[in-house]
Amino acid sequence: MAKLQDDSIAALVAIFYMKKDQRDAFLKLEPRQQKLVLLIMENLKKEKPENIGKVLMAAGYSKETADTGNSNIIRSTKMRAALAPLTNQFERLKNEVIQEITKRKLKSSSAESLVRMADLLHKNERLVNGESTENVIQVSIDM
């Protein structure tokens, strides 16, 4: 039997731990889309996740697609179905964190960490939805 690569083993473990509906949606994806879902899941575990363009390129998409077409890929019906559990989890966690921010806590030092957590969850939610996580403007200068 051929030796599995580390990323193949990680993929099998991730698939094993998915809930049935997410696993079913995941298995309907093309191989490159499956790799993208797994990379998004891994990316979200990082303290500072990469932007979606870099994740798309790591999954095998071209730089042009990563720069211009990322929202179409993430927002496709199949991808949204595969990523729905993550999106729902971030929304729920973000709302729980926001509920914990009270006027009293806003005056204490712990409010800062709650705001950072809410911001991180918001950015992760946007990442999973294929939305911008950075405020970037492109300006064309003709000389």
Protein backbone atom coordinates (compact mmCIF):
# COMPACT_ATOMS: atom_id res chain seq x y z
CA MET A 1 0.00 0.00 0.00
CA ALA A 2 1.30 3.45 -0.91
CA LYS A 3 2.24 5.72 1.96
CA LEU A 4 -0.24 8.56 2.45
CA GLN A 5 1.12 12.07 2.50
CA ASP A 6 0.63 14.12 5.68
CA ASP A 7 -1.96 16.33 3.99
CA SER A 8 -3.92 13.25 2.87
CA ILE A 9 -4.00 11.94 6.44
CA ALA A 10 -5.08 15.35 7.74
CA ALA A 11 -7.83 15.41 5.10
CA LEU A 12 -9.10 11.99 6.12
CA VAL A 13 -9.14 13.00 9.79
CA ALA A 14 -11.00 16.24 8.98
CA ILE A 15 -13.58 14.36 6.89
CA PHE A 16 -14.05 11.79 9.66
CA TYR A 17 -14.89 14.49 12.21
CA MET A 18 -17.34 16.34 9.95
CA LYS A 19 -21.03 16.05 10.69
CA LYS A 20 -22.97 14.01 8.14
CA ASP A 21 -24.52 16.97 6.30
CA GLN A 22 -21.16 18.73 6.02
CA ARG A 23 -19.43 15.51 4.93
CA ASP A 24 -22.11 14.90 2.27
CA ALA A 25 -21.71 18.46 0.96
CA PHE A 26 -17.92 18.12 1.08
CA LEU A 27 -17.92 14.89 -0.93
CA LYS A 28 -19.96 16.58 -3.71
CA LEU A 29 -17.15 19.08 -4.30
CA GLU A 30 -14.46 18.78 -6.94
CA PRO A 31 -11.01 17.79 -5.58
CA ARG A 32 -9.66 21.34 -5.73
CA GLN A 33 -12.74 22.65 -3.89
CA GLN A 34 -12.30 19.92 -1.27
CA LYS A 35 -8.69 20.99 -0.79
CA LEU A 36 -9.88 24.59 -0.46
CA VAL A 37 -12.38 23.68 2.28
CA LEU A 38 -9.68 21.80 4.20
CA LEU A 39 -7.23 24.70 3.82
CA ILE A 40 -9.87 27.16 5.01
CA MET A 41 -10.49 24.97 8.06
CA GLU A 42 -6.74 24.85 8.79
CA ASN A 43 -6.30 28.56 8.10
CA LEU A 44 -8.99 29.46 10.61
CA LYS A 45 -7.00 27.73 13.37
CA LYS A 46 -4.14 30.18 12.90
CA GLU A 47 -3.75 33.16 15.20
CA LYS A 48 -3.63 35.42 12.15
CA PRO A 49 -5.34 33.69 9.21
CA GLU A 50 -4.12 34.28 5.66
CA ASN A 51 -6.37 36.20 3.30
CA ILE A 52 -8.61 34.13 1.04
CA GLY A 53 -6.51 34.86 -2.05
CA LYS A 54 -3.47 33.12 -0.55
CA VAL A 55 -5.63 30.18 0.55
CA LEU A 56 -7.06 29.87 -2.98
CA MET A 57 -3.56 29.79 -4.47
CA ALA A 58 -2.50 27.12 -1.96
CA ALA A 59 -5.51 25.06 -3.09
CA GLY A 60 -4.32 25.21 -6.70
CA TYR A 61 -6.21 28.17 -8.12
CA SER A 62 -4.33 30.63 -10.32
CA LYS A 63 -3.15 34.00 -9.01
CA GLU A 64 -5.63 35.69 -11.35
CA THR A 65 -8.52 33.66 -9.95
CA ALA A 66 -7.30 34.24 -6.39
CA ASP A 67 -7.11 37.99 -7.02
CA THR A 68 -10.38 38.45 -8.90
CA GLY A 69 -12.69 35.45 -8.67
CA ASN A 70 -12.45 34.34 -5.08
CA SER A 71 -15.91 35.44 -4.03
CA ASN A 72 -17.51 33.49 -6.89
CA ILE A 73 -15.72 30.32 -5.84
CA ILE A 74 -16.58 30.61 -2.15
CA ARG A 75 -20.14 31.75 -2.81
CA SER A 76 -20.99 28.85 -5.10
CA THR A 77 -23.91 26.75 -3.88
CA LYS A 78 -21.78 23.65 -3.27
CA MET A 79 -19.06 25.54 -1.39
CA ARG A 80 -21.58 27.41 0.77
CA ALA A 81 -23.19 24.09 1.69
CA ALA A 82 -19.81 22.61 2.64
CA LEU A 83 -18.83 25.72 4.63
CA ALA A 84 -22.26 26.32 6.23
CA PRO A 85 -21.41 24.62 9.55
CA LEU A 86 -18.32 26.85 9.91
CA THR A 87 -20.27 29.97 8.98
CA ASN A 88 -23.01 29.12 11.47
CA GLN A 89 -20.47 28.39 14.20
CA PHE A 90 -18.72 31.74 13.71
CA GLU A 91 -22.01 33.62 13.70
CA ARG A 92 -23.09 31.92 16.93
CA LEU A 93 -19.74 32.47 18.66
CA LYS A 94 -19.56 36.09 17.52
CA ASN A 95 -23.05 36.74 18.89
CA GLU A 96 -22.16 35.10 22.22
CA VAL A 97 -19.05 37.26 22.54
CA ILE A 98 -20.98 40.42 21.67
CA GLN A 99 -23.62 39.53 24.30
CA GLU A 100 -20.86 39.34 26.92
CA ILE A 101 -19.77 42.92 26.24
CA THR A 102 -21.65 44.91 28.84
CA LYS A 103 -21.19 48.53 29.91
CA ARG A 104 -19.42 47.31 33.02
CA LYS A 105 -17.04 45.13 31.00
CA LEU A 106 -16.37 47.92 28.54
CA LYS A 107 -14.81 49.84 31.42
CA SER A 108 -12.59 46.92 32.43
CA SER A 109 -9.54 45.47 30.71
CA SER A 110 -11.38 42.28 29.74
CA ALA A 111 -13.53 44.22 27.30
CA GLU A 112 -10.48 44.70 25.08
CA SER A 113 -10.04 40.95 24.74
CA LEU A 114 -13.77 40.53 24.01
CA VAL A 115 -13.59 43.13 21.27
CA ARG A 116 -10.52 41.43 19.78
CA MET A 117 -12.33 38.08 19.90
CA ALA A 118 -15.44 39.53 18.23
CA ASP A 119 -13.22 41.09 15.54
CA LEU A 120 -11.39 37.81 14.93
CA LEU A 121 -14.64 35.86 14.72
CA HIS A 122 -16.09 38.47 12.36
CA LYS A 123 -13.05 38.27 10.06
CA ASN A 124 -13.12 34.46 10.12
CA GLU A 125 -16.81 34.51 9.26
CA ARG A 126 -16.09 36.86 6.33
CA LEU A 127 -13.23 34.61 5.20
CA VAL A 128 -15.48 31.56 5.12
CA ASN A 129 -18.10 33.53 3.17
CA GLY A 130 -15.54 34.64 0.58
CA GLU A 131 -15.73 38.26 1.64
CA SER A 132 -12.86 40.69 2.14
CA THR A 133 -10.94 40.43 5.41
CA GLU A 134 -8.64 43.32 4.60
CA ASN A 135 -9.29 46.91 3.63
CA VAL A 136 -7.29 47.12 0.43
CA ILE A 137 -7.68 49.65 -2.35
CA GLN A 138 -6.15 49.30 -5.77
CA VAL A 139 -5.29 52.52 -7.54
CA SER A 140 -4.20 52.72 -11.16
CA ILE A 141 -1.80 55.56 -11.87
CA ASP A 142 -1.18 56.42 -15.50
CA MET A 143 1.94 58.44 -16.25
